[in-house]
Amino acid sequence: MARWSVVIEHLYVSPAHAYFGRPRDGGAEVATVDAETVELVAGRGIVGDRFFGVPAHYNAQVSFVAAEAIEAVAAVLGIDPPDPAVLRRNIVVRGMDLNALVGQPFSLDSGDGPVAFVGHRPCHPCAWMDSVIADGALPALRGRGGLRTSVAVGGRLRRGPATLDTEAAVDPALAGRARRHAPLP
């Protein structure tokens, strides 16, 4: 098992969906909280989030995105990094090679004991990104849109320094790089 130091920069919890329909119609006004701590329940997700306990989203209970990916997209587009909340991912991390965790178990410990996840599939960006970030954000985010996971062992996560434990071959230097994945079986 390899251990890596990472940082949890944001923990977003939103009770409802903001992006549905066509981007030109505008998103819904949805309160999204950048929580100091979140409670995660095995097999259900983040307490209070829109995906909590929704059976259709079992493999997408909690979504991650790398802060480095947001910064890389901003560099490609020649803009300041956008507010990470517009990506609608739950957890923004720094120092995690999320692409290496597709199909892999891993855990994060931010001081209250480890919370275990299973990385299921990449988060693919949607057309909304061109509307809420800038023209060209959709293609710039391809291959670095994040990771969809399920919670295997619940617990509490807090913003700040954390430890990533995984047997996956991760390279923190690749956290913001785009990587294409083969289709999952």
Protein backbone atom coordinates (compact mmCIF):
# COMPACT_ATOMS: atom_id res chain seq x y z
CA MET A 1 0.00 0.00 0.00
CA ALA A 2 1.42 3.38 -1.00
CA ARG A 3 0.75 6.48 1.07
CA TRP A 4 0.67 10.01 -0.38
CA SER A 5 0.19 13.44 1.17
CA VAL A 6 -2.64 15.34 -0.53
CA VAL A 7 -4.83 18.35 0.22
CA ILE A 8 -8.61 18.46 0.24
CA GLU A 9 -9.28 22.01 -0.97
CA HIS A 10 -13.08 21.97 -1.20
CA LEU A 11 -15.96 19.77 -0.03
CA TYR A 12 -19.06 20.71 -1.99
CA VAL A 13 -22.53 19.60 -0.97
CA SER A 14 -25.54 20.51 -3.06
CA PRO A 15 -29.11 19.41 -2.35
CA ALA A 16 -30.25 19.69 -5.99
CA HIS A 17 -29.06 19.56 -9.59
CA ALA A 18 -28.09 22.86 -11.21
CA TYR A 19 -27.35 21.78 -14.79
CA PHE A 20 -30.17 20.20 -16.72
CA GLY A 21 -31.72 21.00 -20.05
CA ARG A 22 -29.82 23.21 -22.47
CA PRO A 23 -27.00 25.48 -21.31
CA ARG A 24 -28.47 28.40 -23.26
CA ASP A 25 -31.52 28.23 -20.95
CA GLY A 26 -29.31 28.79 -17.89
CA GLY A 27 -28.74 26.69 -14.82
CA ALA A 28 -30.89 26.45 -11.75
CA GLU A 29 -30.11 28.62 -8.74
CA VAL A 30 -28.97 25.97 -6.30
CA ALA A 31 -27.29 26.60 -2.96
CA THR A 32 -23.97 24.78 -2.93
CA VAL A 33 -22.12 24.65 0.38
CA ASP A 34 -18.33 24.48 0.56
CA ALA A 35 -18.33 22.59 3.84
CA GLU A 36 -15.49 22.45 6.34
CA THR A 37 -16.37 18.79 6.98
CA VAL A 38 -18.67 16.21 5.41
CA GLU A 39 -20.09 12.94 6.65
CA LEU A 40 -19.93 10.01 4.22
CA VAL A 41 -22.03 6.86 4.55
CA ALA A 42 -20.99 3.56 2.98
CA GLY A 43 -23.13 2.69 -0.02
CA ARG A 44 -24.94 6.05 0.09
CA GLY A 45 -22.53 9.00 -0.40
CA ILE A 46 -22.30 12.42 1.25
CA VAL A 47 -25.04 13.26 3.74
CA GLY A 48 -27.11 16.15 2.35
CA ASP A 49 -25.91 15.86 -1.26
CA ARG A 50 -28.20 15.40 -4.25
CA PHE A 51 -26.78 11.91 -4.97
CA PHE A 52 -27.06 10.63 -1.39
CA GLY A 53 -28.74 7.21 -1.41
CA VAL A 54 -29.92 7.45 -5.04
CA PRO A 55 -29.72 3.86 -6.38
CA ALA A 56 -29.16 4.97 -9.98
CA HIS A 57 -26.01 6.78 -8.86
CA TYR A 58 -24.47 3.96 -6.83
CA ASN A 59 -21.21 4.15 -8.82
CA ALA A 60 -21.25 7.95 -8.76
CA GLN A 61 -22.07 8.72 -5.12
CA VAL A 62 -19.10 11.07 -4.73
CA SER A 63 -17.21 12.88 -7.48
CA PHE A 64 -13.65 14.18 -7.33
CA VAL A 65 -11.69 16.67 -9.44
CA ALA A 66 -8.04 17.65 -9.19
CA ALA A 67 -7.26 21.31 -8.52
CA GLU A 68 -4.36 20.92 -10.96
CA ALA A 69 -6.83 19.94 -13.70
CA ILE A 70 -8.82 23.14 -13.15
CA GLU A 71 -5.61 25.17 -13.32
CA ALA A 72 -4.48 23.32 -16.48
CA VAL A 73 -7.80 24.06 -18.19
CA ALA A 74 -7.48 27.73 -17.27
CA ALA A 75 -3.96 27.79 -18.73
CA VAL A 76 -5.14 26.16 -21.97
CA LEU A 77 -7.95 28.71 -22.26
CA GLY A 78 -5.82 31.68 -21.17
CA ILE A 79 -8.15 32.62 -18.31
CA ASP A 80 -7.96 32.81 -14.53
CA PRO A 81 -8.88 29.52 -12.85
CA PRO A 82 -12.67 29.34 -12.47
CA ASP A 83 -14.47 28.84 -9.19
CA PRO A 84 -14.22 25.04 -8.71
CA ALA A 85 -17.88 24.94 -7.64
CA VAL A 86 -19.00 25.41 -11.26
CA LEU A 87 -17.70 21.94 -12.12
CA ARG A 88 -20.28 20.43 -9.71
CA ARG A 89 -17.80 17.88 -8.29
CA ASN A 90 -18.02 17.09 -4.58
CA ILE A 91 -14.35 16.96 -3.61
CA VAL A 92 -11.55 19.12 -5.02
CA VAL A 93 -8.15 17.63 -4.21
CA ARG A 94 -4.56 18.63 -4.83
CA GLY A 95 -1.83 16.05 -5.39
CA MET A 96 -4.08 13.14 -6.48
CA ASP A 97 -3.66 11.45 -9.83
CA LEU A 98 -7.39 10.70 -10.18
CA ASN A 99 -7.04 9.02 -13.56
CA ALA A 100 -4.88 6.31 -11.97
CA LEU A 101 -7.71 5.53 -9.54
CA VAL A 102 -10.27 4.48 -12.17
CA GLY A 103 -11.28 0.94 -11.20
CA GLN A 104 -9.22 1.09 -7.99
CA PRO A 105 -9.96 1.15 -4.26
CA PHE A 106 -8.40 3.94 -2.21
CA SER A 107 -8.87 5.76 1.06
CA LEU A 108 -8.51 9.31 2.33
CA ASP A 109 -7.81 10.26 5.93
CA SER A 110 -8.02 13.92 6.91
CA GLY A 111 -7.60 13.27 10.62
CA ASP A 112 -10.80 11.46 11.63
CA GLY A 113 -9.88 8.02 10.30
CA PRO A 114 -9.87 6.67 6.75
CA VAL A 115 -12.84 6.90 4.42
CA ALA A 116 -12.65 4.20 1.74
CA PHE A 117 -13.77 4.68 -1.86
CA VAL A 118 -13.88 2.66 -5.05
CA GLY A 119 -13.00 4.63 -8.17
CA HIS A 120 -15.47 3.58 -10.86
CA ARG A 121 -15.17 5.76 -13.94
CA PRO A 122 -13.98 9.14 -15.14
CA CYS A 123 -16.27 12.16 -14.81
CA HIS A 124 -16.78 13.31 -18.35
CA PRO A 125 -17.41 17.03 -18.77
CA CYS A 126 -20.64 18.25 -20.29
CA ALA A 127 -21.56 21.06 -22.67
CA TRP A 128 -22.43 23.23 -19.67
CA MET A 129 -18.70 23.81 -19.10
CA ASP A 130 -18.48 26.06 -22.18
CA SER A 131 -21.26 28.17 -20.66
CA VAL A 132 -20.14 28.34 -17.03
CA ILE A 133 -16.34 28.53 -17.55
CA ALA A 134 -15.51 29.75 -21.09
CA ASP A 135 -15.76 28.69 -24.72
CA GLY A 136 -13.46 25.72 -25.20
CA ALA A 137 -13.74 24.44 -21.62
CA LEU A 138 -15.50 21.24 -22.70
CA PRO A 139 -12.65 19.98 -24.91
CA ALA A 140 -10.03 21.29 -22.45
CA LEU A 141 -11.62 19.23 -19.65
CA ARG A 142 -11.77 15.98 -21.63
CA GLY A 143 -9.59 13.40 -19.92
CA ARG A 144 -9.28 15.49 -16.75
CA GLY A 145 -12.88 15.97 -15.62
CA GLY A 146 -12.46 13.93 -12.45
CA LEU A 147 -13.47 10.61 -10.95
CA ARG A 148 -16.82 9.07 -9.97
CA THR A 149 -16.69 6.88 -6.87
CA SER A 150 -18.75 4.94 -4.38
CA VAL A 151 -18.16 4.98 -0.62
CA ALA A 152 -16.97 1.59 0.68
CA VAL A 153 -16.31 2.64 4.30
CA GLY A 154 -17.93 5.80 5.63
CA GLY A 155 -16.61 8.43 7.98
CA ARG A 156 -15.77 12.12 8.07
CA LEU A 157 -13.57 14.20 5.75
CA ARG A 158 -12.44 17.76 6.38
CA ARG A 159 -10.74 20.38 4.25
CA GLY A 160 -6.96 20.55 4.57
CA PRO A 161 -4.08 18.07 4.59
CA ALA A 162 -5.00 14.42 4.09
CA THR A 163 -3.40 11.07 3.39
CA LEU A 164 -4.21 8.99 0.32
CA ASP A 165 -3.68 5.22 0.65
CA THR A 166 -3.86 3.09 -2.47
CA GLU A 167 -2.23 0.17 -4.21
CA ALA A 168 -2.75 1.88 -7.58
CA ALA A 169 0.27 3.18 -9.46
CA VAL A 170 -0.34 6.88 -8.90
CA ASP A 171 1.93 9.76 -9.88
CA PRO A 172 0.95 13.07 -8.23
CA ALA A 173 2.81 14.93 -11.01
CA LEU A 174 0.09 13.73 -13.41
CA ALA A 175 -2.80 15.21 -11.40
CA GLY A 176 -3.66 17.88 -13.97
CA ARG A 177 -2.81 16.03 -17.16
CA ALA A 178 -5.48 14.84 -19.53
CA ARG A 179 -5.69 11.12 -20.00
CA ARG A 180 -8.05 9.24 -22.25
CA HIS A 181 -9.51 6.02 -20.91
CA ALA A 182 -10.53 2.89 -22.73
CA PRO A 183 -14.26 2.23 -22.42
CA LEU A 184 -15.10 0.31 -19.27
CA PRO A 185 -16.57 -3.19 -19.73
